[in-house]
Amino acid sequence: YAGTPHDHVEDHALSLVVQQYKLPRHLL
């Protein structure tokens, strides 16, 4: 959510989803 994901592919991909859709953190 800070835009600095850890070095895992799933973290990088989810970070882009969070940025594009402003996905609410409380759901995760």
PDB file of all heavy atoms in Angstrom:
ATOM      1  N   TYR A   1       0.812  -1.220   0.000  1.00  0.00           N
ATOM      2  CA  TYR A   1       0.000   0.000   0.000  1.00  0.00           C
ATOM      3  C   TYR A   1       0.846   1.272   0.000  1.00  0.00           C
ATOM      4  O   TYR A   1       0.352   2.354  -0.316  1.00  0.00           O
ATOM      5  CB  TYR A   1      -0.990  -0.018   1.167  1.00  0.00           C
ATOM      6  CG  TYR A   1      -2.255  -0.758   0.815  1.00  0.00           C
ATOM      7  CD1 TYR A   1      -2.304  -2.155   0.870  1.00  0.00           C
ATOM      8  CD2 TYR A   1      -3.383  -0.089   0.362  1.00  0.00           C
ATOM      9  CE1 TYR A   1      -3.449  -2.846   0.507  1.00  0.00           C
ATOM     10  CE2 TYR A   1      -4.536  -0.774  -0.003  1.00  0.00           C
ATOM     11  CZ  TYR A   1      -4.556  -2.147   0.068  1.00  0.00           C
ATOM     12  OH  TYR A   1      -5.683  -2.832  -0.307  1.00  0.00           O
ATOM     13  N   ALA A   2       2.134   1.130   0.321  1.00  0.00           N
ATOM     14  CA  ALA A   2       3.044   2.267   0.212  1.00  0.00           C
ATOM     15  C   ALA A   2       3.643   2.378  -1.182  1.00  0.00           C
ATOM     16  O   ALA A   2       4.361   3.332  -1.484  1.00  0.00           O
ATOM     17  CB  ALA A   2       4.164   2.126   1.248  1.00  0.00           C
ATOM     18  N   GLY A   3       3.357   1.394  -2.045  1.00  0.00           N
ATOM     19  CA  GLY A   3       3.905   1.418  -3.391  1.00  0.00           C
ATOM     20  C   GLY A   3       5.323   0.895  -3.472  1.00  0.00           C
ATOM     21  O   GLY A   3       6.004   1.093  -4.477  1.00  0.00           O
ATOM     22  N   THR A   4       5.774   0.220  -2.403  1.00  0.00           N
ATOM     23  CA  THR A   4       7.135  -0.323  -2.372  1.00  0.00           C
ATOM     24  C   THR A   4       7.068  -1.811  -2.009  1.00  0.00           C
ATOM     25  O   THR A   4       7.553  -2.216  -0.942  1.00  0.00           O
ATOM     26  CB  THR A   4       8.003   0.430  -1.346  1.00  0.00           C
ATOM     27  OG1 THR A   4       7.350   0.367  -0.055  1.00  0.00           O
ATOM     28  CG2 THR A   4       8.192   1.872  -1.748  1.00  0.00           C
ATOM     29  N   PRO A   5       6.472  -2.627  -2.852  1.00  0.00           N
ATOM     30  CA  PRO A   5       6.257  -4.032  -2.503  1.00  0.00           C
ATOM     31  C   PRO A   5       7.557  -4.803  -2.306  1.00  0.00           C
ATOM     32  O   PRO A   5       8.582  -4.464  -2.900  1.00  0.00           O
ATOM     33  CB  PRO A   5       5.472  -4.571  -3.700  1.00  0.00           C
ATOM     34  CG  PRO A   5       5.845  -3.674  -4.831  1.00  0.00           C
ATOM     35  CD  PRO A   5       6.010  -2.316  -4.217  1.00  0.00           C
ATOM     36  N   HIS A   6       7.480  -5.842  -1.472  1.00  0.00           N
ATOM     37  CA  HIS A   6       8.623  -6.730  -1.285  1.00  0.00           C
ATOM     38  C   HIS A   6       8.899  -7.479  -2.584  1.00  0.00           C
ATOM     39  O   HIS A   6       8.087  -7.496  -3.506  1.00  0.00           O
ATOM     40  CB  HIS A   6       8.351  -7.706  -0.150  1.00  0.00           C
ATOM     41  CG  HIS A   6       8.324  -7.060   1.199  1.00  0.00           C
ATOM     42  ND1 HIS A   6       8.198  -7.766   2.377  1.00  0.00           N
ATOM     43  CD2 HIS A   6       8.405  -5.752   1.573  1.00  0.00           C
ATOM     44  CE1 HIS A   6       8.210  -6.944   3.404  1.00  0.00           C
ATOM     45  NE2 HIS A   6       8.314  -5.712   2.944  1.00  0.00           N
ATOM     46  N   ASP A   7      10.050  -8.128  -2.639  1.00  0.00           N
ATOM     47  CA  ASP A   7      10.497  -8.751  -3.877  1.00  0.00           C
ATOM     48  C   ASP A   7       9.842 -10.114  -4.090  1.00  0.00           C
ATOM     49  O   ASP A   7      10.501 -11.158  -4.088  1.00  0.00           O
ATOM     50  CB  ASP A   7      12.020  -8.896  -3.871  1.00  0.00           C
ATOM     51  CG  ASP A   7      12.566  -9.228  -5.253  1.00  0.00           C
ATOM     52  OD1 ASP A   7      11.840  -8.983  -6.236  1.00  0.00           O
ATOM     53  OD2 ASP A   7      13.706  -9.720  -5.347  1.00  0.00           O
ATOM     54  N   HIS A   8       8.505 -10.094  -4.217  1.00  0.00           N
ATOM     55  CA  HIS A   8       7.736 -11.287  -4.563  1.00  0.00           C
ATOM     56  C   HIS A   8       6.834 -10.908  -5.731  1.00  0.00           C
ATOM     57  O   HIS A   8       6.240  -9.824  -5.739  1.00  0.00           O
ATOM     58  CB  HIS A   8       6.866 -11.756  -3.391  1.00  0.00           C
ATOM     59  CG  HIS A   8       7.619 -12.025  -2.126  1.00  0.00           C
ATOM     60  ND1 HIS A   8       8.458 -13.096  -1.967  1.00  0.00           N
ATOM     61  CD2 HIS A   8       7.648 -11.346  -0.949  1.00  0.00           C
ATOM     62  CE1 HIS A   8       8.984 -13.086  -0.749  1.00  0.00           C
ATOM     63  NE2 HIS A   8       8.504 -12.026  -0.118  1.00  0.00           N
ATOM     64  N   VAL A   9       6.717 -11.787  -6.718  1.00  0.00           N
ATOM     65  CA  VAL A   9       5.935 -11.421  -7.900  1.00  0.00           C
ATOM     66  C   VAL A   9       4.495 -11.112  -7.538  1.00  0.00           C
ATOM     67  O   VAL A   9       3.883 -10.190  -8.102  1.00  0.00           O
ATOM     68  CB  VAL A   9       5.994 -12.542  -8.969  1.00  0.00           C
ATOM     69  CG1 VAL A   9       7.372 -12.655  -9.557  1.00  0.00           C
ATOM     70  CG2 VAL A   9       5.519 -13.875  -8.410  1.00  0.00           C
ATOM     71  N   GLU A  10       3.918 -11.886  -6.584  1.00  0.00           N
ATOM     72  CA  GLU A  10       2.523 -11.654  -6.217  1.00  0.00           C
ATOM     73  C   GLU A  10       2.354 -10.310  -5.523  1.00  0.00           C
ATOM     74  O   GLU A  10       1.325  -9.647  -5.673  1.00  0.00           O
ATOM     75  CB  GLU A  10       1.986 -12.797  -5.342  1.00  0.00           C
ATOM     76  CG  GLU A  10       2.662 -12.964  -4.011  1.00  0.00           C
ATOM     77  CD  GLU A  10       3.884 -13.889  -4.073  1.00  0.00           C
ATOM     78  OE1 GLU A  10       4.338 -14.200  -5.198  1.00  0.00           O
ATOM     79  OE2 GLU A  10       4.370 -14.294  -3.004  1.00  0.00           O
ATOM     80  N   ASP A  11       3.366  -9.865  -4.779  1.00  0.00           N
ATOM     81  CA  ASP A  11       3.304  -8.555  -4.129  1.00  0.00           C
ATOM     82  C   ASP A  11       3.368  -7.438  -5.167  1.00  0.00           C
ATOM     83  O   ASP A  11       2.636  -6.438  -5.070  1.00  0.00           O
ATOM     84  CB  ASP A  11       4.451  -8.402  -3.132  1.00  0.00           C
ATOM     85  CG  ASP A  11       4.292  -9.281  -1.901  1.00  0.00           C
ATOM     86  OD1 ASP A  11       3.787 -10.408  -2.056  1.00  0.00           O
ATOM     87  OD2 ASP A  11       4.668  -8.858  -0.794  1.00  0.00           O
ATOM     88  N   HIS A  12       4.246  -7.580  -6.150  1.00  0.00           N
ATOM     89  CA  HIS A  12       4.352  -6.563  -7.204  1.00  0.00           C
ATOM     90  C   HIS A  12       3.036  -6.472  -7.983  1.00  0.00           C
ATOM     91  O   HIS A  12       2.558  -5.370  -8.274  1.00  0.00           O
ATOM     92  CB  HIS A  12       5.504  -6.910  -8.149  1.00  0.00           C
ATOM     93  CG  HIS A  12       6.859  -6.553  -7.615  1.00  0.00           C
ATOM     94  ND1 HIS A  12       7.349  -5.265  -7.631  1.00  0.00           N
ATOM     95  CD2 HIS A  12       7.810  -7.320  -7.024  1.00  0.00           C
ATOM     96  CE1 HIS A  12       8.561  -5.243  -7.088  1.00  0.00           C
ATOM     97  NE2 HIS A  12       8.865  -6.480  -6.710  1.00  0.00           N
ATOM     98  N   ALA A  13       2.459  -7.630  -8.315  1.00  0.00           N
ATOM     99  CA  ALA A  13       1.212  -7.624  -9.081  1.00  0.00           C
ATOM    100  C   ALA A  13       0.073  -7.015  -8.276  1.00  0.00           C
ATOM    101  O   ALA A  13      -0.696  -6.192  -8.789  1.00  0.00           O
ATOM    102  CB  ALA A  13       0.864  -9.054  -9.507  1.00  0.00           C
ATOM    103  N   LEU A  14      -0.050  -7.410  -6.993  1.00  0.00           N
ATOM    104  CA  LEU A  14      -1.119  -6.856  -6.163  1.00  0.00           C
ATOM    105  C   LEU A  14      -0.928  -5.361  -5.952  1.00  0.00           C
ATOM    106  O   LEU A  14      -1.903  -4.605  -5.893  1.00  0.00           O
ATOM    107  CB  LEU A  14      -1.173  -7.583  -4.814  1.00  0.00           C
ATOM    108  CG  LEU A  14      -2.273  -7.104  -3.861  1.00  0.00           C
ATOM    109  CD1 LEU A  14      -3.655  -7.262  -4.486  1.00  0.00           C
ATOM    110  CD2 LEU A  14      -2.209  -7.865  -2.539  1.00  0.00           C
ATOM    111  N   SER A  15       0.308  -4.914  -5.846  1.00  0.00           N
ATOM    112  CA  SER A  15       0.561  -3.483  -5.667  1.00  0.00           C
ATOM    113  C   SER A  15       0.009  -2.684  -6.839  1.00  0.00           C
ATOM    114  O   SER A  15      -0.564  -1.602  -6.658  1.00  0.00           O
ATOM    115  CB  SER A  15       2.070  -3.231  -5.526  1.00  0.00           C
ATOM    116  OG  SER A  15       2.332  -1.854  -5.334  1.00  0.00           O
ATOM    117  N   LEU A  16       0.135  -3.221  -8.055  1.00  0.00           N
ATOM    118  CA  LEU A  16      -0.418  -2.532  -9.216  1.00  0.00           C
ATOM    119  C   LEU A  16      -1.943  -2.516  -9.181  1.00  0.00           C
ATOM    120  O   LEU A  16      -2.574  -1.532  -9.563  1.00  0.00           O
ATOM    121  CB  LEU A  16       0.078  -3.201 -10.500  1.00  0.00           C
ATOM    122  CG  LEU A  16       1.572  -3.024 -10.785  1.00  0.00           C
ATOM    123  CD1 LEU A  16       1.974  -3.826 -12.018  1.00  0.00           C
ATOM    124  CD2 LEU A  16       1.923  -1.552 -10.965  1.00  0.00           C
ATOM    125  N   VAL A  17      -2.552  -3.619  -8.707  1.00  0.00           N
ATOM    126  CA  VAL A  17      -4.014  -3.651  -8.565  1.00  0.00           C
ATOM    127  C   VAL A  17      -4.456  -2.599  -7.549  1.00  0.00           C
ATOM    128  O   VAL A  17      -5.430  -1.863  -7.767  1.00  0.00           O
ATOM    129  CB  VAL A  17      -4.484  -5.050  -8.122  1.00  0.00           C
ATOM    130  CG1 VAL A  17      -5.981  -5.040  -7.800  1.00  0.00           C
ATOM    131  CG2 VAL A  17      -4.190  -6.086  -9.196  1.00  0.00           C
ATOM    132  N   VAL A  18      -3.755  -2.526  -6.423  1.00  0.00           N
ATOM    133  CA  VAL A  18      -4.083  -1.545  -5.387  1.00  0.00           C
ATOM    134  C   VAL A  18      -3.993  -0.131  -5.943  1.00  0.00           C
ATOM    135  O   VAL A  18      -4.860   0.720  -5.692  1.00  0.00           O
ATOM    136  CB  VAL A  18      -3.143  -1.728  -4.176  1.00  0.00           C
ATOM    137  CG1 VAL A  18      -3.236  -0.531  -3.230  1.00  0.00           C
ATOM    138  CG2 VAL A  18      -3.485  -3.023  -3.434  1.00  0.00           C
ATOM    139  N   GLN A  19      -2.953   0.134  -6.724  1.00  0.00           N
ATOM    140  CA  GLN A  19      -2.775   1.472  -7.283  1.00  0.00           C
ATOM    141  C   GLN A  19      -3.865   1.802  -8.301  1.00  0.00           C
ATOM    142  O   GLN A  19      -4.426   2.904  -8.290  1.00  0.00           O
ATOM    143  CB  GLN A  19      -1.394   1.573  -7.944  1.00  0.00           C
ATOM    144  CG  GLN A  19      -0.228   1.532  -6.965  1.00  0.00           C
ATOM    145  CD  GLN A  19       1.103   1.578  -7.683  1.00  0.00           C
ATOM    146  OE1 GLN A  19       1.286   2.356  -8.609  1.00  0.00           O
ATOM    147  NE2 GLN A  19       2.036   0.747  -7.250  1.00  0.00           N
ATOM    148  N   GLN A  20      -4.151   0.854  -9.182  1.00  0.00           N
ATOM    149  CA  GLN A  20      -5.117   1.121 -10.240  1.00  0.00           C
ATOM    150  C   GLN A  20      -6.538   1.267  -9.713  1.00  0.00           C
ATOM    151  O   GLN A  20      -7.301   2.112 -10.183  1.00  0.00           O
ATOM    152  CB  GLN A  20      -5.077  -0.006 -11.274  1.00  0.00           C
ATOM    153  CG  GLN A  20      -3.880   0.059 -12.209  1.00  0.00           C
ATOM    154  CD  GLN A  20      -3.921  -1.033 -13.258  1.00  0.00           C
ATOM    155  OE1 GLN A  20      -3.001  -1.812 -13.371  1.00  0.00           O
ATOM    156  NE2 GLN A  20      -4.978  -1.089 -14.031  1.00  0.00           N
ATOM    157  N   TYR A  21      -6.898   0.432  -8.731  1.00  0.00           N
ATOM    158  CA  TYR A  21      -8.291   0.381  -8.288  1.00  0.00           C
ATOM    159  C   TYR A  21      -8.520   0.975  -6.905  1.00  0.00           C
ATOM    160  O   TYR A  21      -9.657   0.993  -6.433  1.00  0.00           O
ATOM    161  CB  TYR A  21      -8.784  -1.074  -8.301  1.00  0.00           C
ATOM    162  CG  TYR A  21      -8.860  -1.659  -9.682  1.00  0.00           C
ATOM    163  CD1 TYR A  21      -7.819  -2.430 -10.179  1.00  0.00           C
ATOM    164  CD2 TYR A  21      -9.963  -1.432 -10.500  1.00  0.00           C
ATOM    165  CE1 TYR A  21      -7.878  -2.974 -11.462  1.00  0.00           C
ATOM    166  CE2 TYR A  21     -10.025  -1.963 -11.773  1.00  0.00           C
ATOM    167  CZ  TYR A  21      -8.974  -2.732 -12.249  1.00  0.00           C
ATOM    168  OH  TYR A  21      -9.034  -3.267 -13.511  1.00  0.00           O
ATOM    169  N   LYS A  22      -7.460   1.449  -6.249  1.00  0.00           N
ATOM    170  CA  LYS A  22      -7.571   1.980  -4.882  1.00  0.00           C
ATOM    171  C   LYS A  22      -8.294   0.964  -3.986  1.00  0.00           C
ATOM    172  O   LYS A  22      -9.221   1.305  -3.250  1.00  0.00           O
ATOM    173  CB  LYS A  22      -8.325   3.320  -4.881  1.00  0.00           C
ATOM    174  CG  LYS A  22      -7.731   4.370  -5.825  1.00  0.00           C
ATOM    175  CD  LYS A  22      -6.302   4.717  -5.475  1.00  0.00           C
ATOM    176  CE  LYS A  22      -5.755   5.840  -6.359  1.00  0.00           C
ATOM    177  NZ  LYS A  22      -5.541   5.427  -7.748  1.00  0.00           N
ATOM    178  N   LEU A  23      -7.860  -0.275  -4.077  1.00  0.00           N
ATOM    179  CA  LEU A  23      -8.504  -1.378  -3.364  1.00  0.00           C
ATOM    180  C   LEU A  23      -8.448  -1.147  -1.859  1.00  0.00           C
ATOM    181  O   LEU A  23      -7.363  -0.992  -1.294  1.00  0.00           O
ATOM    182  CB  LEU A  23      -7.803  -2.691  -3.718  1.00  0.00           C
ATOM    183  CG  LEU A  23      -8.463  -3.986  -3.268  1.00  0.00           C
ATOM    184  CD1 LEU A  23      -9.792  -4.178  -3.992  1.00  0.00           C
ATOM    185  CD2 LEU A  23      -7.535  -5.168  -3.529  1.00  0.00           C
ATOM    186  N   PRO A  24      -9.589  -1.129  -1.161  1.00  0.00           N
ATOM    187  CA  PRO A  24      -9.582  -0.843   0.281  1.00  0.00           C
ATOM    188  C   PRO A  24      -8.783  -1.887   1.068  1.00  0.00           C
ATOM    189  O   PRO A  24      -8.986  -3.093   0.910  1.00  0.00           O
ATOM    190  CB  PRO A  24     -11.073  -0.890   0.659  1.00  0.00           C
ATOM    191  CG  PRO A  24     -11.793  -0.581  -0.612  1.00  0.00           C
ATOM    192  CD  PRO A  24     -10.971  -1.215  -1.692  1.00  0.00           C
ATOM    193  N   ARG A  25      -7.897  -1.417   1.912  1.00  0.00           N
ATOM    194  CA  ARG A  25      -7.002  -2.287   2.672  1.00  0.00           C
ATOM    195  C   ARG A  25      -7.749  -3.214   3.634  1.00  0.00           C
ATOM    196  O   ARG A  25      -7.348  -4.367   3.848  1.00  0.00           O
ATOM    197  CB  ARG A  25      -6.007  -1.393   3.450  1.00  0.00           C
ATOM    198  CG  ARG A  25      -5.216  -2.042   4.567  1.00  0.00           C
ATOM    199  CD  ARG A  25      -4.115  -2.948   4.054  1.00  0.00           C
ATOM    200  NE  ARG A  25      -3.385  -3.556   5.160  1.00  0.00           N
ATOM    201  CZ  ARG A  25      -2.237  -3.093   5.657  1.00  0.00           C
ATOM    202  NH1 ARG A  25      -1.697  -1.981   5.166  1.00  0.00           N
ATOM    203  NH2 ARG A  25      -1.628  -3.716   6.637  1.00  0.00           N
ATOM    204  N   HIS A  26      -8.848  -2.757   4.211  1.00  0.00           N
ATOM    205  CA  HIS A  26      -9.502  -3.557   5.243  1.00  0.00           C
ATOM    206  C   HIS A  26     -10.063  -4.866   4.703  1.00  0.00           C
ATOM    207  O   HIS A  26     -10.245  -5.820   5.457  1.00  0.00           O
ATOM    208  CB  HIS A  26     -10.625  -2.740   5.918  1.00  0.00           C
ATOM    209  CG  HIS A  26     -11.867  -2.601   5.098  1.00  0.00           C
ATOM    210  ND1 HIS A  26     -11.957  -1.775   4.006  1.00  0.00           N
ATOM    211  CD2 HIS A  26     -13.077  -3.209   5.203  1.00  0.00           C
ATOM    212  CE1 HIS A  26     -13.167  -1.862   3.485  1.00  0.00           C
ATOM    213  NE2 HIS A  26     -13.875  -2.729   4.189  1.00  0.00           N
ATOM    214  N   LEU A  27     -10.305  -4.941   3.391  1.00  0.00           N
ATOM    215  CA  LEU A  27     -10.800  -6.186   2.810  1.00  0.00           C
ATOM    216  C   LEU A  27      -9.725  -7.275   2.863  1.00  0.00           C
ATOM    217  O   LEU A  27     -10.009  -8.429   3.188  1.00  0.00           O
ATOM    218  CB  LEU A  27     -11.254  -5.949   1.367  1.00  0.00           C
ATOM    219  CG  LEU A  27     -12.432  -4.990   1.184  1.00  0.00           C
ATOM    220  CD1 LEU A  27     -12.704  -4.743  -0.296  1.00  0.00           C
ATOM    221  CD2 LEU A  27     -13.687  -5.521   1.878  1.00  0.00           C
ATOM    222  N   LEU A  28      -8.494  -6.912   2.565  1.00  0.00           N
ATOM    223  CA  LEU A  28      -7.394  -7.869   2.648  1.00  0.00           C
ATOM    224  C   LEU A  28      -7.077  -8.213   4.104  1.00  0.00           C
ATOM    225  O   LEU A  28      -6.753  -9.362   4.424  1.00  0.00           O
ATOM    226  CB  LEU A  28      -6.162  -7.312   1.940  1.00  0.00           C
ATOM    227  CG  LEU A  28      -6.221  -7.390   0.410  1.00  0.00           C
ATOM    228  CD1 LEU A  28      -5.246  -6.407  -0.226  1.00  0.00           C
ATOM    229  CD2 LEU A  28      -5.942  -8.801  -0.079  1.00  0.00           C
TER     230      LEU A  28
END
